[in-house]
């Protein structure tokens, strides 16, 4: 059971809160109890869970990652997006989220984010489960 989500990113680097879309996919998939995987098949993007209450957290993530892995560097990859590949590998292409009584099990301040490192682009995120359904 897999649900596909479309994400359009507005700039080269951004963090988009997709929690509501993931929750809708859980409802559409009729997952009651278990776990869903939120996965993106892109090598210059990622999925992460972090604070969604204060947008400065994602701004700080962007600043921190850009400081650690700058856009320009001693990279050999010809496309000019080596930093995006490295950031994607560091954060990872998926997150597992528990589901209880049909609801995502997230902390009070947590949200699920799609992380773009080589936009703007049209992207895809998959939400999948093989767990208990109604």
N, C-alpha and C. Protein backbone atom coordinates (compact mmCIF):
# COMPACT_ATOMS: atom_id res chain seq x y z
N UNK A 1 0.85 -1.17 0.00
CA UNK A 1 0.00 0.00 0.00
C UNK A 1 0.90 1.24 0.00
N UNK A 2 0.80 1.98 -1.07
CA UNK A 2 1.64 3.17 -1.23
C UNK A 2 0.80 4.32 -1.76
N UNK A 3 1.06 5.49 -1.21
CA UNK A 3 0.41 6.72 -1.67
C UNK A 3 1.52 7.67 -2.14
N UNK A 4 1.31 8.31 -3.28
CA UNK A 4 2.28 9.24 -3.85
C UNK A 4 1.85 10.68 -3.56
N UNK A 5 2.81 11.49 -3.12
CA UNK A 5 2.57 12.92 -2.89
C UNK A 5 3.44 13.72 -3.84
N UNK A 6 2.90 14.81 -4.37
CA UNK A 6 3.67 15.71 -5.22
C UNK A 6 4.09 16.92 -4.41
N UNK A 7 5.35 17.29 -4.55
CA UNK A 7 5.89 18.47 -3.86
C UNK A 7 6.58 19.34 -4.89
N UNK A 8 6.21 20.60 -4.95
CA UNK A 8 6.88 21.55 -5.84
C UNK A 8 7.70 22.48 -4.95
N UNK A 9 9.01 22.51 -5.18
CA UNK A 9 9.88 23.32 -4.34
C UNK A 9 10.16 24.66 -5.01
N UNK A 10 10.12 25.76 -4.24
CA UNK A 10 10.22 27.09 -4.84
C UNK A 10 11.63 27.63 -5.03
N UNK A 11 12.62 27.01 -4.39
CA UNK A 11 13.99 27.54 -4.51
C UNK A 11 15.00 26.42 -4.33
N UNK A 12 16.28 26.75 -4.46
CA UNK A 12 17.33 25.73 -4.44
C UNK A 12 17.31 24.92 -3.16
N UNK A 13 17.24 25.59 -2.03
CA UNK A 13 17.22 24.90 -0.75
C UNK A 13 16.00 25.35 0.03
N UNK A 14 15.21 24.39 0.50
CA UNK A 14 14.06 24.72 1.33
C UNK A 14 13.60 23.48 2.08
N UNK A 15 12.86 23.73 3.14
CA UNK A 15 12.30 22.67 3.97
C UNK A 15 10.79 22.88 3.98
N UNK A 16 10.05 21.90 3.49
CA UNK A 16 8.60 22.03 3.35
C UNK A 16 7.92 21.07 4.32
N UNK A 17 7.08 21.61 5.17
CA UNK A 17 6.33 20.80 6.14
C UNK A 17 5.26 20.01 5.38
N UNK A 18 5.40 18.69 5.37
CA UNK A 18 4.45 17.83 4.66
C UNK A 18 3.64 16.97 5.64
N UNK A 19 3.62 17.36 6.90
CA UNK A 19 2.94 16.57 7.93
C UNK A 19 1.47 16.34 7.58
N UNK A 20 0.77 17.39 7.19
CA UNK A 20 -0.66 17.26 6.87
C UNK A 20 -0.88 16.31 5.70
N UNK A 21 -0.02 16.38 4.69
CA UNK A 21 -0.14 15.50 3.53
C UNK A 21 0.13 14.05 3.91
N UNK A 22 1.12 13.83 4.79
CA UNK A 22 1.42 12.48 5.25
C UNK A 22 0.25 11.94 6.07
N UNK A 23 -0.32 12.78 6.94
CA UNK A 23 -1.48 12.35 7.73
C UNK A 23 -2.66 12.00 6.83
N UNK A 24 -2.86 12.77 5.78
CA UNK A 24 -3.93 12.49 4.81
C UNK A 24 -3.67 11.16 4.10
N UNK A 25 -2.42 10.90 3.76
CA UNK A 25 -2.07 9.63 3.11
C UNK A 25 -2.33 8.46 4.05
N UNK A 26 -2.04 8.63 5.34
CA UNK A 26 -2.32 7.58 6.33
C UNK A 26 -3.82 7.28 6.35
N UNK A 27 -4.64 8.33 6.33
CA UNK A 27 -6.10 8.14 6.29
C UNK A 27 -6.52 7.45 4.98
N UNK A 28 -5.98 7.91 3.86
CA UNK A 28 -6.33 7.32 2.57
C UNK A 28 -5.93 5.84 2.49
N UNK A 29 -4.79 5.52 3.10
CA UNK A 29 -4.31 4.13 3.12
C UNK A 29 -5.03 3.30 4.18
N UNK A 30 -5.80 3.97 5.02
CA UNK A 30 -6.57 3.33 6.09
C UNK A 30 -5.68 2.58 7.09
N UNK A 31 -4.51 3.15 7.36
CA UNK A 31 -3.62 2.56 8.37
C UNK A 31 -4.17 2.91 9.74
N UNK A 32 -4.38 1.90 10.57
CA UNK A 32 -4.92 2.12 11.91
C UNK A 32 -3.81 2.11 12.94
N UNK A 33 -3.05 1.03 12.96
CA UNK A 33 -1.94 0.88 13.90
C UNK A 33 -0.75 0.29 13.16
N UNK A 34 0.43 0.84 13.41
CA UNK A 34 1.62 0.31 12.77
C UNK A 34 2.63 1.40 12.50
N UNK A 35 3.12 1.41 11.28
CA UNK A 35 4.19 2.34 10.91
C UNK A 35 4.07 2.66 9.43
N UNK A 36 4.35 3.90 9.07
CA UNK A 36 4.46 4.25 7.66
C UNK A 36 5.88 4.72 7.39
N UNK A 37 6.31 4.48 6.19
CA UNK A 37 7.59 5.00 5.73
C UNK A 37 7.30 6.16 4.79
N UNK A 38 7.97 7.27 5.04
CA UNK A 38 7.88 8.45 4.18
C UNK A 38 9.22 8.50 3.44
N UNK A 39 9.17 8.34 2.12
CA UNK A 39 10.37 8.12 1.31
C UNK A 39 10.37 9.02 0.07
N UNK A 40 11.52 9.58 -0.24
CA UNK A 40 11.67 10.32 -1.50
C UNK A 40 12.76 9.66 -2.34
N UNK A 41 12.50 9.43 -3.64
CA UNK A 41 13.46 8.75 -4.49
C UNK A 41 14.45 9.68 -5.20
N UNK A 42 14.77 10.78 -4.58
CA UNK A 42 15.64 11.78 -5.21
C UNK A 42 16.98 11.86 -4.48
N UNK A 43 18.07 11.90 -5.23
CA UNK A 43 19.41 11.87 -4.63
C UNK A 43 19.88 13.24 -4.15
N UNK A 44 19.08 14.28 -4.37
CA UNK A 44 19.45 15.61 -3.89
C UNK A 44 18.36 16.18 -3.00
N UNK A 45 17.60 15.30 -2.38
CA UNK A 45 16.53 15.70 -1.46
C UNK A 45 16.55 14.75 -0.28
N UNK A 46 15.75 15.07 0.74
CA UNK A 46 15.71 14.24 1.94
C UNK A 46 14.36 14.38 2.63
N UNK A 47 14.15 13.54 3.62
CA UNK A 47 12.99 13.62 4.49
C UNK A 47 13.51 13.61 5.92
N UNK A 48 12.98 14.50 6.75
CA UNK A 48 13.40 14.53 8.15
C UNK A 48 12.23 14.87 9.04
N UNK A 49 12.38 14.57 10.32
CA UNK A 49 11.41 14.97 11.34
C UNK A 49 12.12 15.94 12.26
N UNK A 50 11.48 17.10 12.48
CA UNK A 50 12.07 18.10 13.36
C UNK A 50 10.97 19.02 13.84
N UNK A 51 11.36 20.07 14.53
CA UNK A 51 10.37 21.00 15.08
C UNK A 51 9.63 21.74 13.97
N UNK A 52 8.31 21.78 14.11
CA UNK A 52 7.50 22.48 13.11
C UNK A 52 6.83 23.73 13.66
N UNK A 53 6.99 23.99 14.95
CA UNK A 53 6.32 25.15 15.57
C UNK A 53 7.03 26.46 15.24
N UNK A 54 8.34 26.45 15.19
CA UNK A 54 9.12 27.67 14.96
C UNK A 54 9.85 27.54 13.63
N UNK A 55 9.48 28.34 12.62
CA UNK A 55 10.14 28.25 11.30
C UNK A 55 11.63 28.57 11.35
N UNK A 56 12.09 29.20 12.41
CA UNK A 56 13.52 29.48 12.53
C UNK A 56 14.35 28.21 12.68
N UNK A 57 13.73 27.13 13.14
CA UNK A 57 14.47 25.87 13.26
C UNK A 57 14.91 25.40 11.88
N UNK A 58 14.02 25.44 10.90
CA UNK A 58 14.38 25.01 9.55
C UNK A 58 15.36 26.00 8.91
N UNK A 59 15.22 27.27 9.21
CA UNK A 59 16.18 28.26 8.73
C UNK A 59 17.56 27.95 9.30
N UNK A 60 17.60 27.61 10.59
CA UNK A 60 18.88 27.27 11.23
C UNK A 60 19.45 25.97 10.67
N UNK A 61 18.58 25.01 10.33
CA UNK A 61 19.05 23.78 9.68
C UNK A 61 19.73 24.12 8.35
N UNK A 62 19.09 25.00 7.59
CA UNK A 62 19.65 25.42 6.30
C UNK A 62 21.01 26.08 6.50
N UNK A 63 21.09 27.02 7.42
CA UNK A 63 22.35 27.73 7.69
C UNK A 63 23.42 26.76 8.17
N UNK A 64 23.05 25.86 9.08
CA UNK A 64 24.02 24.91 9.62
C UNK A 64 24.54 23.96 8.56
N UNK A 65 23.63 23.39 7.77
CA UNK A 65 24.06 22.47 6.71
C UNK A 65 24.90 23.18 5.66
N UNK A 66 24.51 24.41 5.31
CA UNK A 66 25.28 25.17 4.31
C UNK A 66 26.66 25.55 4.82
N UNK A 67 26.77 25.74 6.13
CA UNK A 67 28.07 26.04 6.73
C UNK A 67 28.96 24.79 6.70
N UNK A 68 28.37 23.65 7.01
CA UNK A 68 29.13 22.39 7.01
C UNK A 68 29.47 21.93 5.60
N UNK A 69 28.50 22.10 4.69
CA UNK A 69 28.65 21.62 3.32
C UNK A 69 28.28 22.76 2.37
N UNK A 70 29.23 23.62 2.05
CA UNK A 70 28.92 24.77 1.18
C UNK A 70 28.62 24.34 -0.25
N UNK A 71 27.87 25.20 -0.94
CA UNK A 71 27.51 24.94 -2.34
C UNK A 71 28.77 24.84 -3.21
N UNK A 72 29.69 25.75 -3.02
CA UNK A 72 30.95 25.73 -3.78
C UNK A 72 32.02 25.05 -2.93
N UNK A 73 32.72 24.13 -3.51
CA UNK A 73 33.78 23.43 -2.80
C UNK A 73 34.66 22.69 -3.78
N UNK A 74 35.56 21.92 -3.26
CA UNK A 74 36.48 21.15 -4.09
C UNK A 74 35.80 19.85 -4.51
N UNK A 75 34.70 20.00 -5.26
CA UNK A 75 33.91 18.86 -5.69
C UNK A 75 34.25 18.51 -7.14
N UNK A 76 34.07 17.26 -7.51
CA UNK A 76 34.39 16.82 -8.87
C UNK A 76 33.14 16.52 -9.70
N UNK A 77 32.01 16.34 -9.07
CA UNK A 77 30.76 16.03 -9.77
C UNK A 77 30.42 17.16 -10.73
N UNK A 78 30.25 16.85 -12.00
CA UNK A 78 30.14 17.86 -13.06
C UNK A 78 28.85 18.68 -13.02
N UNK A 79 27.81 18.20 -12.35
CA UNK A 79 26.52 18.91 -12.39
C UNK A 79 26.47 20.12 -11.45
N UNK A 80 27.45 20.28 -10.59
CA UNK A 80 27.47 21.45 -9.70
C UNK A 80 26.53 21.34 -8.51
N UNK A 81 26.12 20.12 -8.18
CA UNK A 81 25.20 19.95 -7.05
C UNK A 81 25.72 18.92 -6.04
N UNK A 82 27.03 18.81 -5.93
CA UNK A 82 27.61 17.85 -5.00
C UNK A 82 27.17 18.10 -3.57
N UNK A 83 27.06 19.37 -3.19
CA UNK A 83 26.62 19.67 -1.83
C UNK A 83 25.23 19.10 -1.57
N UNK A 84 24.36 19.13 -2.57
CA UNK A 84 23.01 18.60 -2.42
C UNK A 84 23.03 17.09 -2.21
N UNK A 85 23.90 16.39 -2.91
CA UNK A 85 24.03 14.94 -2.73
C UNK A 85 24.52 14.61 -1.32
N UNK A 86 25.48 15.37 -0.84
CA UNK A 86 26.03 15.12 0.50
C UNK A 86 24.96 15.39 1.57
N UNK A 87 24.25 16.51 1.44
CA UNK A 87 23.20 16.84 2.41
C UNK A 87 22.10 15.78 2.41
N UNK A 88 21.73 15.31 1.23
CA UNK A 88 20.73 14.26 1.12
C UNK A 88 21.17 13.00 1.85
N UNK A 89 22.42 12.61 1.66
CA UNK A 89 22.92 11.41 2.33
C UNK A 89 22.99 11.59 3.84
N UNK A 90 23.34 12.77 4.29
CA UNK A 90 23.41 13.02 5.73
C UNK A 90 22.04 12.93 6.40
N UNK A 91 21.03 13.54 5.79
CA UNK A 91 19.70 13.53 6.38
C UNK A 91 18.95 12.24 6.08
N UNK A 92 19.14 11.69 4.91
CA UNK A 92 18.49 10.44 4.55
C UNK A 92 17.25 10.65 3.71
N UNK A 93 16.91 9.64 2.94
CA UNK A 93 15.79 9.74 2.00
C UNK A 93 14.47 9.27 2.60
N UNK A 94 14.47 8.83 3.87
CA UNK A 94 13.21 8.35 4.44
C UNK A 94 13.17 8.50 5.96
N UNK A 95 11.94 8.47 6.45
CA UNK A 95 11.67 8.43 7.90
C UNK A 95 10.54 7.43 8.12
N UNK A 96 10.61 6.72 9.23
CA UNK A 96 9.51 5.86 9.65
C UNK A 96 8.74 6.60 10.72
N UNK A 97 7.41 6.57 10.61
CA UNK A 97 6.55 7.26 11.58
C UNK A 97 5.53 6.26 12.09
N UNK A 98 5.43 6.15 13.40
CA UNK A 98 4.42 5.27 14.00
C UNK A 98 3.03 5.83 13.78
N UNK A 99 2.05 4.93 13.70
CA UNK A 99 0.65 5.31 13.57
C UNK A 99 -0.13 4.56 14.66
N UNK A 100 -0.92 5.29 15.42
CA UNK A 100 -1.78 4.70 16.45
C UNK A 100 -3.18 5.26 16.30
N UNK A 101 -4.16 4.39 16.26
CA UNK A 101 -5.55 4.80 16.09
C UNK A 101 -5.74 5.71 14.87
N UNK A 102 -4.99 5.44 13.82
CA UNK A 102 -5.12 6.19 12.57
C UNK A 102 -4.43 7.54 12.54
N UNK A 103 -3.67 7.86 13.59
CA UNK A 103 -3.00 9.16 13.68
C UNK A 103 -1.49 8.99 13.74
N UNK A 104 -0.76 9.93 13.13
CA UNK A 104 0.69 9.92 13.24
C UNK A 104 1.10 10.10 14.70
N UNK A 105 2.09 9.34 15.14
CA UNK A 105 2.60 9.48 16.49
C UNK A 105 3.84 10.37 16.41
N UNK A 106 3.61 11.65 16.65
CA UNK A 106 4.68 12.65 16.63
C UNK A 106 4.66 13.41 17.95
N UNK A 107 5.82 13.94 18.33
CA UNK A 107 5.88 14.77 19.52
C UNK A 107 5.14 16.07 19.30
N UNK A 108 4.89 16.76 20.39
CA UNK A 108 4.11 18.01 20.36
C UNK A 108 4.60 18.99 19.30
N UNK A 109 5.89 19.13 19.16
CA UNK A 109 6.44 20.13 18.25
C UNK A 109 6.95 19.54 16.95
N UNK A 110 6.82 18.24 16.76
CA UNK A 110 7.40 17.59 15.59
C UNK A 110 6.54 17.69 14.35
N UNK A 111 7.23 17.78 13.21
CA UNK A 111 6.60 17.73 11.91
C UNK A 111 7.48 16.94 10.96
N UNK A 112 6.90 16.50 9.85
CA UNK A 112 7.64 15.78 8.81
C UNK A 112 7.96 16.78 7.71
N UNK A 113 9.22 16.84 7.32
CA UNK A 113 9.67 17.83 6.35
C UNK A 113 10.28 17.17 5.12
N UNK A 114 9.92 17.70 3.95
CA UNK A 114 10.63 17.40 2.72
C UNK A 114 11.75 18.42 2.61
N UNK A 115 12.96 17.96 2.38
CA UNK A 115 14.14 18.83 2.32
C UNK A 115 14.66 18.89 0.89
N UNK A 116 14.62 20.05 0.31
CA UNK A 116 15.11 20.26 -1.06
C UNK A 116 16.50 20.88 -1.00
N UNK A 117 17.44 20.30 -1.76
CA UNK A 117 18.80 20.83 -1.80
C UNK A 117 19.26 21.17 -3.21
N UNK A 118 18.39 20.99 -4.22
CA UNK A 118 18.79 21.25 -5.60
C UNK A 118 17.59 21.69 -6.45
N UNK A 119 16.80 22.59 -5.89
CA UNK A 119 15.60 23.05 -6.58
C UNK A 119 15.85 24.33 -7.36
N UNK A 120 14.76 24.91 -7.81
CA UNK A 120 13.38 24.45 -7.67
C UNK A 120 13.08 23.27 -8.59
N UNK A 121 12.21 22.39 -8.10
CA UNK A 121 11.87 21.18 -8.86
C UNK A 121 10.48 20.68 -8.48
N UNK A 122 9.97 19.80 -9.31
CA UNK A 122 8.80 19.02 -8.97
C UNK A 122 9.32 17.70 -8.41
N UNK A 123 8.88 17.35 -7.21
CA UNK A 123 9.40 16.17 -6.52
C UNK A 123 8.27 15.23 -6.13
N UNK A 124 8.64 14.02 -5.78
CA UNK A 124 7.68 13.02 -5.33
C UNK A 124 8.10 12.48 -3.98
N UNK A 125 7.10 12.26 -3.14
CA UNK A 125 7.30 11.61 -1.85
C UNK A 125 6.30 10.46 -1.79
N UNK A 126 6.75 9.32 -1.33
CA UNK A 126 5.88 8.17 -1.17
C UNK A 126 5.63 7.90 0.31
N UNK A 127 4.40 7.56 0.63
CA UNK A 127 4.04 7.12 1.97
C UNK A 127 3.57 5.69 1.81
N UNK A 128 4.22 4.77 2.51
CA UNK A 128 3.88 3.38 2.34
C UNK A 128 3.75 2.65 3.66
N UNK A 129 2.93 1.62 3.65
CA UNK A 129 2.71 0.81 4.84
C UNK A 129 2.31 -0.60 4.45
N UNK A 130 2.67 -1.55 5.30
CA UNK A 130 2.20 -2.92 5.14
C UNK A 130 1.53 -3.36 6.45
N UNK A 131 1.13 -2.37 7.26
CA UNK A 131 0.60 -2.65 8.58
C UNK A 131 -0.92 -2.71 8.61
N UNK A 132 -1.44 -2.83 9.81
CA UNK A 132 -2.87 -3.01 10.05
C UNK A 132 -3.72 -1.90 9.43
N UNK A 133 -4.72 -2.31 8.67
CA UNK A 133 -5.64 -1.35 8.06
C UNK A 133 -7.06 -1.68 8.50
N UNK A 134 -7.92 -0.68 8.38
CA UNK A 134 -9.32 -0.90 8.76
C UNK A 134 -10.11 -1.47 7.59
